[in-house]
Amino acid sequence: MTTYVISVPGTFTADIGADTHDRLARALRPADPHSTRMGSTEGLDALSVNEDSTFTLRLTVEADTGPHAEEEARRLAGSALRDAGLDERSAALGPAVITGIDSEVR
């Protein structure tokens, strides 16, 4: 198994409040990239939100292959969004992309 850091971009199509943002950040905590050497070194946050309502989820995923890692990241992202009370209409996700491979987890 390899540890991948996967970025999943998206767009909030409705305003989200601070409470929703906090719930989403908590839901992403188990897959936080800070647990990897690269995530810690690069200062990667699990959730980045831009002023134009676009966002990026950065997730740590254990998988055998890159495609499996991307698939698992999209599943985790969707689950975290649902846990925060969002759905595909209020937070549309783009394609998952491998942004790092880290074989040494701290």
PDB file of N, CA and C in Angstrom:
ATOM      1  N   MET A   1       0.845  -1.181   0.000  1.00  0.00           N
ATOM      2  CA  MET A   1       0.000   0.000   0.000  1.00  0.00           C
ATOM      3  C   MET A   1       0.888   1.242   0.000  1.00  0.00           C
ATOM      4  N   THR A   2       0.413   2.228  -0.683  1.00  0.00           N
ATOM      5  CA  THR A   2       1.106   3.503  -0.777  1.00  0.00           C
ATOM      6  C   THR A   2       0.198   4.587  -0.228  1.00  0.00           C
ATOM      7  N   THR A   3       0.797   5.586   0.384  1.00  0.00           N
ATOM      8  CA  THR A   3       0.042   6.743   0.869  1.00  0.00           C
ATOM      9  C   THR A   3       0.079   7.819  -0.206  1.00  0.00           C
ATOM     10  N   TYR A   4      -1.102   8.236  -0.624  1.00  0.00           N
ATOM     11  CA  TYR A   4      -1.239   9.285  -1.631  1.00  0.00           C
ATOM     12  C   TYR A   4      -1.852  10.523  -0.990  1.00  0.00           C
ATOM     13  N   VAL A   5      -1.442  11.684  -1.462  1.00  0.00           N
ATOM     14  CA  VAL A   5      -2.143  12.920  -1.142  1.00  0.00           C
ATOM     15  C   VAL A   5      -2.900  13.284  -2.407  1.00  0.00           C
ATOM     16  N   ILE A   6      -4.217  13.369  -2.264  1.00  0.00           N
ATOM     17  CA  ILE A   6      -5.106  13.613  -3.394  1.00  0.00           C
ATOM     18  C   ILE A   6      -5.784  14.964  -3.218  1.00  0.00           C
ATOM     19  N   SER A   7      -5.836  15.758  -4.269  1.00  0.00           N
ATOM     20  CA  SER A   7      -6.571  17.022  -4.256  1.00  0.00           C
ATOM     21  C   SER A   7      -7.867  16.841  -5.022  1.00  0.00           C
ATOM     22  N   VAL A   8      -8.958  17.287  -4.401  1.00  0.00           N
ATOM     23  CA  VAL A   8     -10.272  17.239  -5.041  1.00  0.00           C
ATOM     24  C   VAL A   8     -10.809  18.673  -5.054  1.00  0.00           C
ATOM     25  N   PRO A   9     -10.874  19.294  -6.237  1.00  0.00           N
ATOM     26  CA  PRO A   9     -11.392  20.660  -6.317  1.00  0.00           C
ATOM     27  C   PRO A   9     -12.914  20.654  -6.320  1.00  0.00           C
ATOM     28  N   GLY A  10     -13.476  21.786  -6.004  1.00  0.00           N
ATOM     29  CA  GLY A  10     -14.924  21.901  -6.036  1.00  0.00           C
ATOM     30  C   GLY A  10     -15.363  23.354  -5.997  1.00  0.00           C
ATOM     31  N   THR A  11     -16.670  23.539  -6.088  1.00  0.00           N
ATOM     32  CA  THR A  11     -17.265  24.870  -6.029  1.00  0.00           C
ATOM     33  C   THR A  11     -18.496  24.825  -5.153  1.00  0.00           C
ATOM     34  N   PHE A  12     -18.559  25.746  -4.206  1.00  0.00           N
ATOM     35  CA  PHE A  12     -19.776  25.900  -3.417  1.00  0.00           C
ATOM     36  C   PHE A  12     -20.748  26.715  -4.259  1.00  0.00           C
ATOM     37  N   THR A  13     -21.910  26.174  -4.524  1.00  0.00           N
ATOM     38  CA  THR A  13     -22.900  26.892  -5.337  1.00  0.00           C
ATOM     39  C   THR A  13     -23.872  27.676  -4.468  1.00  0.00           C
ATOM     40  N   ALA A  14     -23.736  27.543  -3.165  1.00  0.00           N
ATOM     41  CA  ALA A  14     -24.532  28.307  -2.207  1.00  0.00           C
ATOM     42  C   ALA A  14     -23.578  28.801  -1.128  1.00  0.00           C
ATOM     43  N   ASP A  15     -23.958  29.860  -0.459  1.00  0.00           N
ATOM     44  CA  ASP A  15     -23.128  30.359   0.632  1.00  0.00           C
ATOM     45  C   ASP A  15     -23.096  29.340   1.764  1.00  0.00           C
ATOM     46  N   ILE A  16     -21.912  29.121   2.287  1.00  0.00           N
ATOM     47  CA  ILE A  16     -21.814  28.253   3.459  1.00  0.00           C
ATOM     48  C   ILE A  16     -21.363  29.122   4.628  1.00  0.00           C
ATOM     49  N   GLY A  17     -21.941  28.868   5.756  1.00  0.00           N
ATOM     50  CA  GLY A  17     -21.580  29.630   6.939  1.00  0.00           C
ATOM     51  C   GLY A  17     -20.370  29.044   7.631  1.00  0.00           C
ATOM     52  N   ALA A  18     -19.916  29.736   8.661  1.00  0.00           N
ATOM     53  CA  ALA A  18     -18.765  29.288   9.431  1.00  0.00           C
ATOM     54  C   ALA A  18     -19.031  27.935  10.075  1.00  0.00           C
ATOM     55  N   ASP A  19     -20.278  27.695  10.498  1.00  0.00           N
ATOM     56  CA  ASP A  19     -20.626  26.425  11.128  1.00  0.00           C
ATOM     57  C   ASP A  19     -20.461  25.264  10.140  1.00  0.00           C
ATOM     58  N   THR A  20     -20.921  25.454   8.906  1.00  0.00           N
ATOM     59  CA  THR A  20     -20.775  24.410   7.884  1.00  0.00           C
ATOM     60  C   THR A  20     -19.306  24.192   7.555  1.00  0.00           C
ATOM     61  N   HIS A  21     -18.557  25.272   7.449  1.00  0.00           N
ATOM     62  CA  HIS A  21     -17.115  25.185   7.189  1.00  0.00           C
ATOM     63  C   HIS A  21     -16.438  24.381   8.297  1.00  0.00           C
ATOM     64  N   ASP A  22     -16.777  24.647   9.551  1.00  0.00           N
ATOM     65  CA  ASP A  22     -16.190  23.924  10.678  1.00  0.00           C
ATOM     66  C   ASP A  22     -16.570  22.445  10.664  1.00  0.00           C
ATOM     67  N   ARG A  23     -17.841  22.144  10.348  1.00  0.00           N
ATOM     68  CA  ARG A  23     -18.284  20.742  10.276  1.00  0.00           C
ATOM     69  C   ARG A  23     -17.528  20.005   9.174  1.00  0.00           C
ATOM     70  N   LEU A  24     -17.333  20.665   8.041  1.00  0.00           N
ATOM     71  CA  LEU A  24     -16.603  20.041   6.941  1.00  0.00           C
ATOM     72  C   LEU A  24     -15.148  19.800   7.334  1.00  0.00           C
ATOM     73  N   ALA A  25     -14.522  20.763   7.958  1.00  0.00           N
ATOM     74  CA  ALA A  25     -13.132  20.596   8.398  1.00  0.00           C
ATOM     75  C   ALA A  25     -13.015  19.431   9.386  1.00  0.00           C
ATOM     76  N   ARG A  26     -13.966  19.302  10.303  1.00  0.00           N
ATOM     77  CA  ARG A  26     -13.946  18.185  11.256  1.00  0.00           C
ATOM     78  C   ARG A  26     -14.131  16.846  10.539  1.00  0.00           C
ATOM     79  N   ALA A  27     -15.022  16.811   9.555  1.00  0.00           N
ATOM     80  CA  ALA A  27     -15.275  15.567   8.812  1.00  0.00           C
ATOM     81  C   ALA A  27     -14.045  15.135   8.008  1.00  0.00           C
ATOM     82  N   LEU A  28     -13.211  16.083   7.614  1.00  0.00           N
ATOM     83  CA  LEU A  28     -12.015  15.776   6.828  1.00  0.00           C
ATOM     84  C   LEU A  28     -10.817  15.398   7.699  1.00  0.00           C
ATOM     85  N   ARG A  29     -10.907  15.644   8.982  1.00  0.00           N
ATOM     86  CA  ARG A  29      -9.766  15.442   9.881  1.00  0.00           C
ATOM     87  C   ARG A  29      -9.115  14.055   9.767  1.00  0.00           C
ATOM     88  N   PRO A  30      -9.876  12.947   9.656  1.00  0.00           N
ATOM     89  CA  PRO A  30      -9.204  11.639   9.559  1.00  0.00           C
ATOM     90  C   PRO A  30      -8.307  11.481   8.325  1.00  0.00           C
ATOM     91  N   ALA A  31      -8.553  12.246   7.294  1.00  0.00           N
ATOM     92  CA  ALA A  31      -7.754  12.139   6.068  1.00  0.00           C
ATOM     93  C   ALA A  31      -6.824  13.341   5.878  1.00  0.00           C
ATOM     94  N   ASP A  32      -6.560  14.074   6.964  1.00  0.00           N
ATOM     95  CA  ASP A  32      -5.736  15.284   6.919  1.00  0.00           C
ATOM     96  C   ASP A  32      -4.336  14.971   6.393  1.00  0.00           C
ATOM     97  N   PRO A  33      -3.864  15.712   5.385  1.00  0.00           N
ATOM     98  CA  PRO A  33      -2.538  15.443   4.821  1.00  0.00           C
ATOM     99  C   PRO A  33      -1.387  15.802   5.752  1.00  0.00           C
ATOM    100  N   HIS A  34      -1.652  16.506   6.856  1.00  0.00           N
ATOM    101  CA  HIS A  34      -0.574  16.818   7.796  1.00  0.00           C
ATOM    102  C   HIS A  34       0.038  15.559   8.404  1.00  0.00           C
ATOM    103  N   SER A  35      -0.659  14.419   8.301  1.00  0.00           N
ATOM    104  CA  SER A  35      -0.126  13.171   8.838  1.00  0.00           C
ATOM    105  C   SER A  35       0.980  12.590   7.959  1.00  0.00           C
ATOM    106  N   THR A  36       1.201  13.169   6.798  1.00  0.00           N
ATOM    107  CA  THR A  36       2.256  12.705   5.907  1.00  0.00           C
ATOM    108  C   THR A  36       3.445  13.664   5.973  1.00  0.00           C
ATOM    109  N   ARG A  37       4.595  13.169   5.627  1.00  0.00           N
ATOM    110  CA  ARG A  37       5.807  14.006   5.596  1.00  0.00           C
ATOM    111  C   ARG A  37       5.609  15.178   4.635  1.00  0.00           C
ATOM    112  N   MET A  38       5.066  14.892   3.457  1.00  0.00           N
ATOM    113  CA  MET A  38       4.867  15.942   2.473  1.00  0.00           C
ATOM    114  C   MET A  38       3.840  16.970   2.947  1.00  0.00           C
ATOM    115  N   GLY A  39       2.730  16.490   3.501  1.00  0.00           N
ATOM    116  CA  GLY A  39       1.686  17.405   3.963  1.00  0.00           C
ATOM    117  C   GLY A  39       2.158  18.310   5.063  1.00  0.00           C
ATOM    118  N   SER A  40       2.972  17.761   5.947  1.00  0.00           N
ATOM    119  CA  SER A  40       3.518  18.552   7.039  1.00  0.00           C
ATOM    120  C   SER A  40       4.524  19.573   6.512  1.00  0.00           C
ATOM    121  N   THR A  41       5.419  19.135   5.636  1.00  0.00           N
ATOM    122  CA  THR A  41       6.441  20.015   5.074  1.00  0.00           C
ATOM    123  C   THR A  41       5.823  21.128   4.236  1.00  0.00           C
ATOM    124  N   GLU A  42       4.843  20.787   3.427  1.00  0.00           N
ATOM    125  CA  GLU A  42       4.217  21.753   2.524  1.00  0.00           C
ATOM    126  C   GLU A  42       3.119  22.574   3.204  1.00  0.00           C
ATOM    127  N   GLY A  43       2.742  22.199   4.417  1.00  0.00           N
ATOM    128  CA  GLY A  43       1.682  22.934   5.111  1.00  0.00           C
ATOM    129  C   GLY A  43       0.335  22.768   4.435  1.00  0.00           C
ATOM    130  N   LEU A  44       0.048  21.571   3.957  1.00  0.00           N
ATOM    131  CA  LEU A  44      -1.201  21.331   3.242  1.00  0.00           C
ATOM    132  C   LEU A  44      -2.376  21.225   4.204  1.00  0.00           C
ATOM    133  N   ASP A  45      -3.359  22.055   4.003  1.00  0.00           N
ATOM    134  CA  ASP A  45      -4.585  21.975   4.791  1.00  0.00           C
ATOM    135  C   ASP A  45      -5.577  21.063   4.085  1.00  0.00           C
ATOM    136  N   ALA A  46      -6.390  20.373   4.873  1.00  0.00           N
ATOM    137  CA  ALA A  46      -7.393  19.483   4.292  1.00  0.00           C
ATOM    138  C   ALA A  46      -8.442  20.267   3.514  1.00  0.00           C
ATOM    139  N   LEU A  47      -8.709  21.498   3.918  1.00  0.00           N
ATOM    140  CA  LEU A  47      -9.721  22.323   3.249  1.00  0.00           C
ATOM    141  C   LEU A  47      -9.184  23.717   3.011  1.00  0.00           C
ATOM    142  N   SER A  48      -9.204  24.147   1.758  1.00  0.00           N
ATOM    143  CA  SER A  48      -8.862  25.517   1.381  1.00  0.00           C
ATOM    144  C   SER A  48     -10.046  26.094   0.622  1.00  0.00           C
ATOM    145  N   VAL A  49     -10.525  27.259   1.054  1.00  0.00           N
ATOM    146  CA  VAL A  49     -11.656  27.907   0.393  1.00  0.00           C
ATOM    147  C   VAL A  49     -11.182  29.253  -0.138  1.00  0.00           C
ATOM    148  N   ASN A  50     -11.503  29.523  -1.402  1.00  0.00           N
ATOM    149  CA  ASN A  50     -11.129  30.775  -2.044  1.00  0.00           C
ATOM    150  C   ASN A  50     -12.291  31.759  -2.014  1.00  0.00           C
ATOM    151  N   GLU A  51     -11.990  33.032  -2.251  1.00  0.00           N
ATOM    152  CA  GLU A  51     -13.013  34.082  -2.231  1.00  0.00           C
ATOM    153  C   GLU A  51     -14.095  33.887  -3.286  1.00  0.00           C
ATOM    154  N   ASP A  52     -13.786  33.167  -4.370  1.00  0.00           N
ATOM    155  CA  ASP A  52     -14.756  32.970  -5.450  1.00  0.00           C
ATOM    156  C   ASP A  52     -15.615  31.718  -5.245  1.00  0.00           C
ATOM    157  N   SER A  53     -15.624  31.181  -4.015  1.00  0.00           N
ATOM    158  CA  SER A  53     -16.415  30.003  -3.634  1.00  0.00           C
ATOM    159  C   SER A  53     -15.872  28.687  -4.176  1.00  0.00           C
ATOM    160  N   THR A  54     -14.688  28.712  -4.777  1.00  0.00           N
ATOM    161  CA  THR A  54     -14.056  27.448  -5.140  1.00  0.00           C
ATOM    162  C   THR A  54     -13.302  26.937  -3.912  1.00  0.00           C
ATOM    163  N   PHE A  55     -13.085  25.637  -3.879  1.00  0.00           N
ATOM    164  CA  PHE A  55     -12.372  25.062  -2.748  1.00  0.00           C
ATOM    165  C   PHE A  55     -11.556  23.875  -3.208  1.00  0.00           C
ATOM    166  N   THR A  56     -10.624  23.471  -2.366  1.00  0.00           N
ATOM    167  CA  THR A  56      -9.829  22.277  -2.615  1.00  0.00           C
ATOM    168  C   THR A  56      -9.806  21.454  -1.343  1.00  0.00           C
ATOM    169  N   LEU A  57     -10.110  20.176  -1.487  1.00  0.00           N
ATOM    170  CA  LEU A  57      -9.974  19.222  -0.399  1.00  0.00           C
ATOM    171  C   LEU A  57      -8.688  18.456  -0.664  1.00  0.00           C
ATOM    172  N   ARG A  58      -7.809  18.372   0.319  1.00  0.00           N
ATOM    173  CA  ARG A  58      -6.574  17.596   0.188  1.00  0.00           C
ATOM    174  C   ARG A  58      -6.652  16.463   1.191  1.00  0.00           C
ATOM    175  N   LEU A  59      -6.621  15.252   0.681  1.00  0.00           N
ATOM    176  CA  LEU A  59      -6.872  14.076   1.503  1.00  0.00           C
ATOM    177  C   LEU A  59      -5.729  13.079   1.413  1.00  0.00           C
ATOM    178  N   THR A  60      -5.450  12.422   2.519  1.00  0.00           N
ATOM    179  CA  THR A  60      -4.487  11.335   2.547  1.00  0.00           C
ATOM    180  C   THR A  60      -5.248  10.031   2.376  1.00  0.00           C
ATOM    181  N   VAL A  61      -4.796   9.226   1.427  1.00  0.00           N
ATOM    182  CA  VAL A  61      -5.475   7.964   1.105  1.00  0.00           C
ATOM    183  C   VAL A  61      -4.441   6.861   0.978  1.00  0.00           C
ATOM    184  N   GLU A  62      -4.739   5.712   1.564  1.00  0.00           N
ATOM    185  CA  GLU A  62      -3.916   4.508   1.391  1.00  0.00           C
ATOM    186  C   GLU A  62      -4.546   3.691   0.262  1.00  0.00           C
ATOM    187  N   ALA A  63      -3.739   3.325  -0.739  1.00  0.00           N
ATOM    188  CA  ALA A  63      -4.274   2.547  -1.862  1.00  0.00           C
ATOM    189  C   ALA A  63      -3.147   1.796  -2.558  1.00  0.00           C
ATOM    190  N   ASP A  64      -3.543   0.793  -3.337  1.00  0.00           N
ATOM    191  CA  ASP A  64      -2.578   0.006  -4.111  1.00  0.00           C
ATOM    192  C   ASP A  64      -2.150   0.717  -5.388  1.00  0.00           C
ATOM    193  N   THR A  65      -3.072   1.509  -5.968  1.00  0.00           N
ATOM    194  CA  THR A  65      -2.781   2.190  -7.234  1.00  0.00           C
ATOM    195  C   THR A  65      -3.299   3.621  -7.198  1.00  0.00           C
ATOM    196  N   GLY A  66      -2.792   4.430  -8.105  1.00  0.00           N
ATOM    197  CA  GLY A  66      -3.250   5.807  -8.220  1.00  0.00           C
ATOM    198  C   GLY A  66      -4.736   5.915  -8.496  1.00  0.00           C
ATOM    199  N   PRO A  67      -5.272   5.170  -9.475  1.00  0.00           N
ATOM    200  CA  PRO A  67      -6.710   5.257  -9.737  1.00  0.00           C
ATOM    201  C   PRO A  67      -7.565   4.865  -8.527  1.00  0.00           C
ATOM    202  N   HIS A  68      -7.110   3.850  -7.765  1.00  0.00           N
ATOM    203  CA  HIS A  68      -7.857   3.470  -6.565  1.00  0.00           C
ATOM    204  C   HIS A  68      -7.806   4.588  -5.525  1.00  0.00           C
ATOM    205  N   ALA A  69      -6.668   5.272  -5.438  1.00  0.00           N
ATOM    206  CA  ALA A  69      -6.526   6.381  -4.496  1.00  0.00           C
ATOM    207  C   ALA A  69      -7.460   7.526  -4.871  1.00  0.00           C
ATOM    208  N   GLU A  70      -7.538   7.833  -6.152  1.00  0.00           N
ATOM    209  CA  GLU A  70      -8.424   8.908  -6.608  1.00  0.00           C
ATOM    210  C   GLU A  70      -9.879   8.558  -6.335  1.00  0.00           C
ATOM    211  N   GLU A  71     -10.246   7.316  -6.574  1.00  0.00           N
ATOM    212  CA  GLU A  71     -11.618   6.861  -6.323  1.00  0.00           C
ATOM    213  C   GLU A  71     -11.963   6.954  -4.834  1.00  0.00           C
ATOM    214  N   GLU A  72     -11.042   6.517  -3.986  1.00  0.00           N
ATOM    215  CA  GLU A  72     -11.268   6.566  -2.538  1.00  0.00           C
ATOM    216  C   GLU A  72     -11.351   8.016  -2.058  1.00  0.00           C
ATOM    217  N   ALA A  73     -10.532   8.894  -2.618  1.00  0.00           N
ATOM    218  CA  ALA A  73     -10.568  10.311  -2.238  1.00  0.00           C
ATOM    219  C   ALA A  73     -11.919  10.926  -2.584  1.00  0.00           C
ATOM    220  N   ARG A  74     -12.451  10.609  -3.742  1.00  0.00           N
ATOM    221  CA  ARG A  74     -13.776  11.144  -4.108  1.00  0.00           C
ATOM    222  C   ARG A  74     -14.850  10.603  -3.172  1.00  0.00           C
ATOM    223  N   ARG A  75     -14.730   9.335  -2.776  1.00  0.00           N
ATOM    224  CA  ARG A  75     -15.691   8.768  -1.833  1.00  0.00           C
ATOM    225  C   ARG A  75     -15.600   9.484  -0.479  1.00  0.00           C
ATOM    226  N   LEU A  76     -14.369   9.680   0.012  1.00  0.00           N
ATOM    227  CA  LEU A  76     -14.167  10.376   1.285  1.00  0.00           C
ATOM    228  C   LEU A  76     -14.657  11.826   1.218  1.00  0.00           C
ATOM    229  N   ALA A  77     -14.387  12.489   0.102  1.00  0.00           N
ATOM    230  CA  ALA A  77     -14.823  13.878  -0.064  1.00  0.00           C
ATOM    231  C   ALA A  77     -16.343  13.972  -0.039  1.00  0.00           C
ATOM    232  N   GLY A  78     -17.012  13.099  -0.777  1.00  0.00           N
ATOM    233  CA  GLY A  78     -18.476  13.098  -0.803  1.00  0.00           C
ATOM    234  C   GLY A  78     -19.060  12.829   0.572  1.00  0.00           C
ATOM    235  N   SER A  79     -18.471  11.894   1.284  1.00  0.00           N
ATOM    236  CA  SER A  79     -18.936  11.561   2.626  1.00  0.00           C
ATOM    237  C   SER A  79     -18.760  12.740   3.577  1.00  0.00           C
ATOM    238  N   ALA A  80     -17.618  13.408   3.520  1.00  0.00           N
ATOM    239  CA  ALA A  80     -17.365  14.567   4.383  1.00  0.00           C
ATOM    240  C   ALA A  80     -18.340  15.698   4.071  1.00  0.00           C
ATOM    241  N   LEU A  81     -18.606  15.920   2.792  1.00  0.00           N
ATOM    242  CA  LEU A  81     -19.558  16.969   2.409  1.00  0.00           C
ATOM    243  C   LEU A  81     -20.954  16.644   2.943  1.00  0.00           C
ATOM    244  N   ARG A  82     -21.370  15.392   2.812  1.00  0.00           N
ATOM    245  CA  ARG A  82     -22.683  14.992   3.344  1.00  0.00           C
ATOM    246  C   ARG A  82     -22.736  15.151   4.862  1.00  0.00           C
ATOM    247  N   ASP A  83     -21.647  14.773   5.548  1.00  0.00           N
ATOM    248  CA  ASP A  83     -21.581  14.932   7.002  1.00  0.00           C
ATOM    249  C   ASP A  83     -21.715  16.398   7.412  1.00  0.00           C
ATOM    250  N   ALA A  84     -21.278  17.290   6.549  1.00  0.00           N
ATOM    251  CA  ALA A  84     -21.364  18.725   6.830  1.00  0.00           C
ATOM    252  C   ALA A  84     -22.700  19.315   6.384  1.00  0.00           C
ATOM    253  N   GLY A  85     -23.581  18.465   5.842  1.00  0.00           N
ATOM    254  CA  GLY A  85     -24.896  18.938   5.419  1.00  0.00           C
ATOM    255  C   GLY A  85     -24.943  19.467   3.999  1.00  0.00           C
ATOM    256  N   LEU A  86     -23.942  19.123   3.194  1.00  0.00           N
ATOM    257  CA  LEU A  86     -23.881  19.585   1.808  1.00  0.00           C
ATOM    258  C   LEU A  86     -24.138  18.411   0.871  1.00  0.00           C
ATOM    259  N   ASP A  87     -24.622  18.715  -0.326  1.00  0.00           N
ATOM    260  CA  ASP A  87     -24.816  17.676  -1.335  1.00  0.00           C
ATOM    261  C   ASP A  87     -24.176  18.120  -2.637  1.00  0.00           C
ATOM    262  N   GLU A  88     -24.309  17.294  -3.693  1.00  0.00           N
ATOM    263  CA  GLU A  88     -23.652  17.604  -4.967  1.00  0.00           C
ATOM    264  C   GLU A  88     -24.178  18.874  -5.629  1.00  0.00           C
ATOM    265  N   ARG A  89     -25.371  19.320  -5.243  1.00  0.00           N
ATOM    266  CA  ARG A  89     -25.894  20.571  -5.805  1.00  0.00           C
ATOM    267  C   ARG A  89     -25.306  21.794  -5.098  1.00  0.00           C
ATOM    268  N   SER A  90     -25.001  21.677  -3.817  1.00  0.00           N
ATOM    269  CA  SER A  90     -24.472  22.825  -3.076  1.00  0.00           C
ATOM    270  C   SER A  90     -22.946  22.843  -3.026  1.00  0.00           C
ATOM    271  N   ALA A  91     -22.312  21.713  -3.362  1.00  0.00           N
ATOM    272  CA  ALA A  91     -20.853  21.634  -3.383  1.00  0.00           C
ATOM    273  C   ALA A  91     -20.439  20.655  -4.474  1.00  0.00           C
ATOM    274  N   ALA A  92     -20.322  21.170  -5.687  1.00  0.00           N
ATOM    275  CA  ALA A  92     -19.968  20.340  -6.842  1.00  0.00           C
ATOM    276  C   ALA A  92     -18.474  20.020  -6.814  1.00  0.00           C
ATOM    277  N   LEU A  93     -18.143  18.743  -7.000  1.00  0.00           N
ATOM    278  CA  LEU A  93     -16.749  18.308  -6.997  1.00  0.00           C
ATOM    279  C   LEU A  93     -16.213  18.126  -8.409  1.00  0.00           C
ATOM    280  N   GLY A  94     -14.946  18.441  -8.577  1.00  0.00           N
ATOM    281  CA  GLY A  94     -14.253  18.205  -9.830  1.00  0.00           C
ATOM    282  C   GLY A  94     -13.484  16.898  -9.744  1.00  0.00           C
ATOM    283  N   PRO A  95     -12.646  16.626 -10.729  1.00  0.00           N
ATOM    284  CA  PRO A  95     -11.896  15.366 -10.741  1.00  0.00           C
ATOM    285  C   PRO A  95     -10.801  15.341  -9.671  1.00  0.00           C
ATOM    286  N   ALA A  96     -10.624  14.190  -9.054  1.00  0.00           N
ATOM    287  CA  ALA A  96      -9.562  14.002  -8.074  1.00  0.00           C
ATOM    288  C   ALA A  96      -8.222  13.872  -8.805  1.00  0.00           C
ATOM    289  N   VAL A  97      -7.178  14.435  -8.210  1.00  0.00           N
ATOM    290  CA  VAL A  97      -5.853  14.426  -8.828  1.00  0.00           C
ATOM    291  C   VAL A  97      -4.808  14.066  -7.764  1.00  0.00           C
ATOM    292  N   ILE A  98      -3.889  13.204  -8.115  1.00  0.00           N
ATOM    293  CA  ILE A  98      -2.797  12.877  -7.204  1.00  0.00           C
ATOM    294  C   ILE A  98      -1.842  14.066  -7.168  1.00  0.00           C
ATOM    295  N   THR A  99      -1.636  14.599  -5.966  1.00  0.00           N
ATOM    296  CA  THR A  99      -0.710  15.729  -5.838  1.00  0.00           C
ATOM    297  C   THR A  99       0.546  15.347  -5.082  1.00  0.00           C
ATOM    298  N   GLY A 100       0.583  14.111  -4.565  1.00  0.00           N
ATOM    299  CA  GLY A 100       1.782  13.653  -3.889  1.00  0.00           C
ATOM    300  C   GLY A 100       1.696  12.180  -3.534  1.00  0.00           C
ATOM    301  N   ILE A 101       2.856  11.573  -3.441  1.00  0.00           N
ATOM    302  CA  ILE A 101       2.962  10.190  -3.000  1.00  0.00           C
ATOM    303  C   ILE A 101       3.966  10.195  -1.857  1.00  0.00           C
ATOM    304  N   ASP A 102       3.553   9.628  -0.735  1.00  0.00           N
ATOM    305  CA  ASP A 102       4.381   9.665   0.464  1.00  0.00           C
ATOM    306  C   ASP A 102       4.412   8.287   1.082  1.00  0.00           C
ATOM    307  N   SER A 103       5.560   7.650   1.064  1.00  0.00           N
ATOM    308  CA  SER A 103       5.643   6.299   1.623  1.00  0.00           C
ATOM    309  C   SER A 103       6.022   6.296   3.093  1.00  0.00           C
ATOM    310  N   GLU A 104       6.364   7.466   3.641  1.00  0.00           N
ATOM    311  CA  GLU A 104       6.732   7.545   5.048  1.00  0.00           C
ATOM    312  C   GLU A 104       5.707   8.377   5.810  1.00  0.00           C
ATOM    313  N   VAL A 105       4.845   7.721   6.548  1.00  0.00           N
ATOM    314  CA  VAL A 105       3.853   8.418   7.364  1.00  0.00           C
ATOM    315  C   VAL A 105       4.438   8.611   8.746  1.00  0.00           C
ATOM    316  N   ARG A 106       4.244   9.806   9.319  1.00  0.00           N
ATOM    317  CA  ARG A 106       4.769  10.096  10.665  1.00  0.00           C
ATOM    318  C   ARG A 106       3.900   9.459  11.703  1.00  0.00           C
TER     319      ARG A 106
END
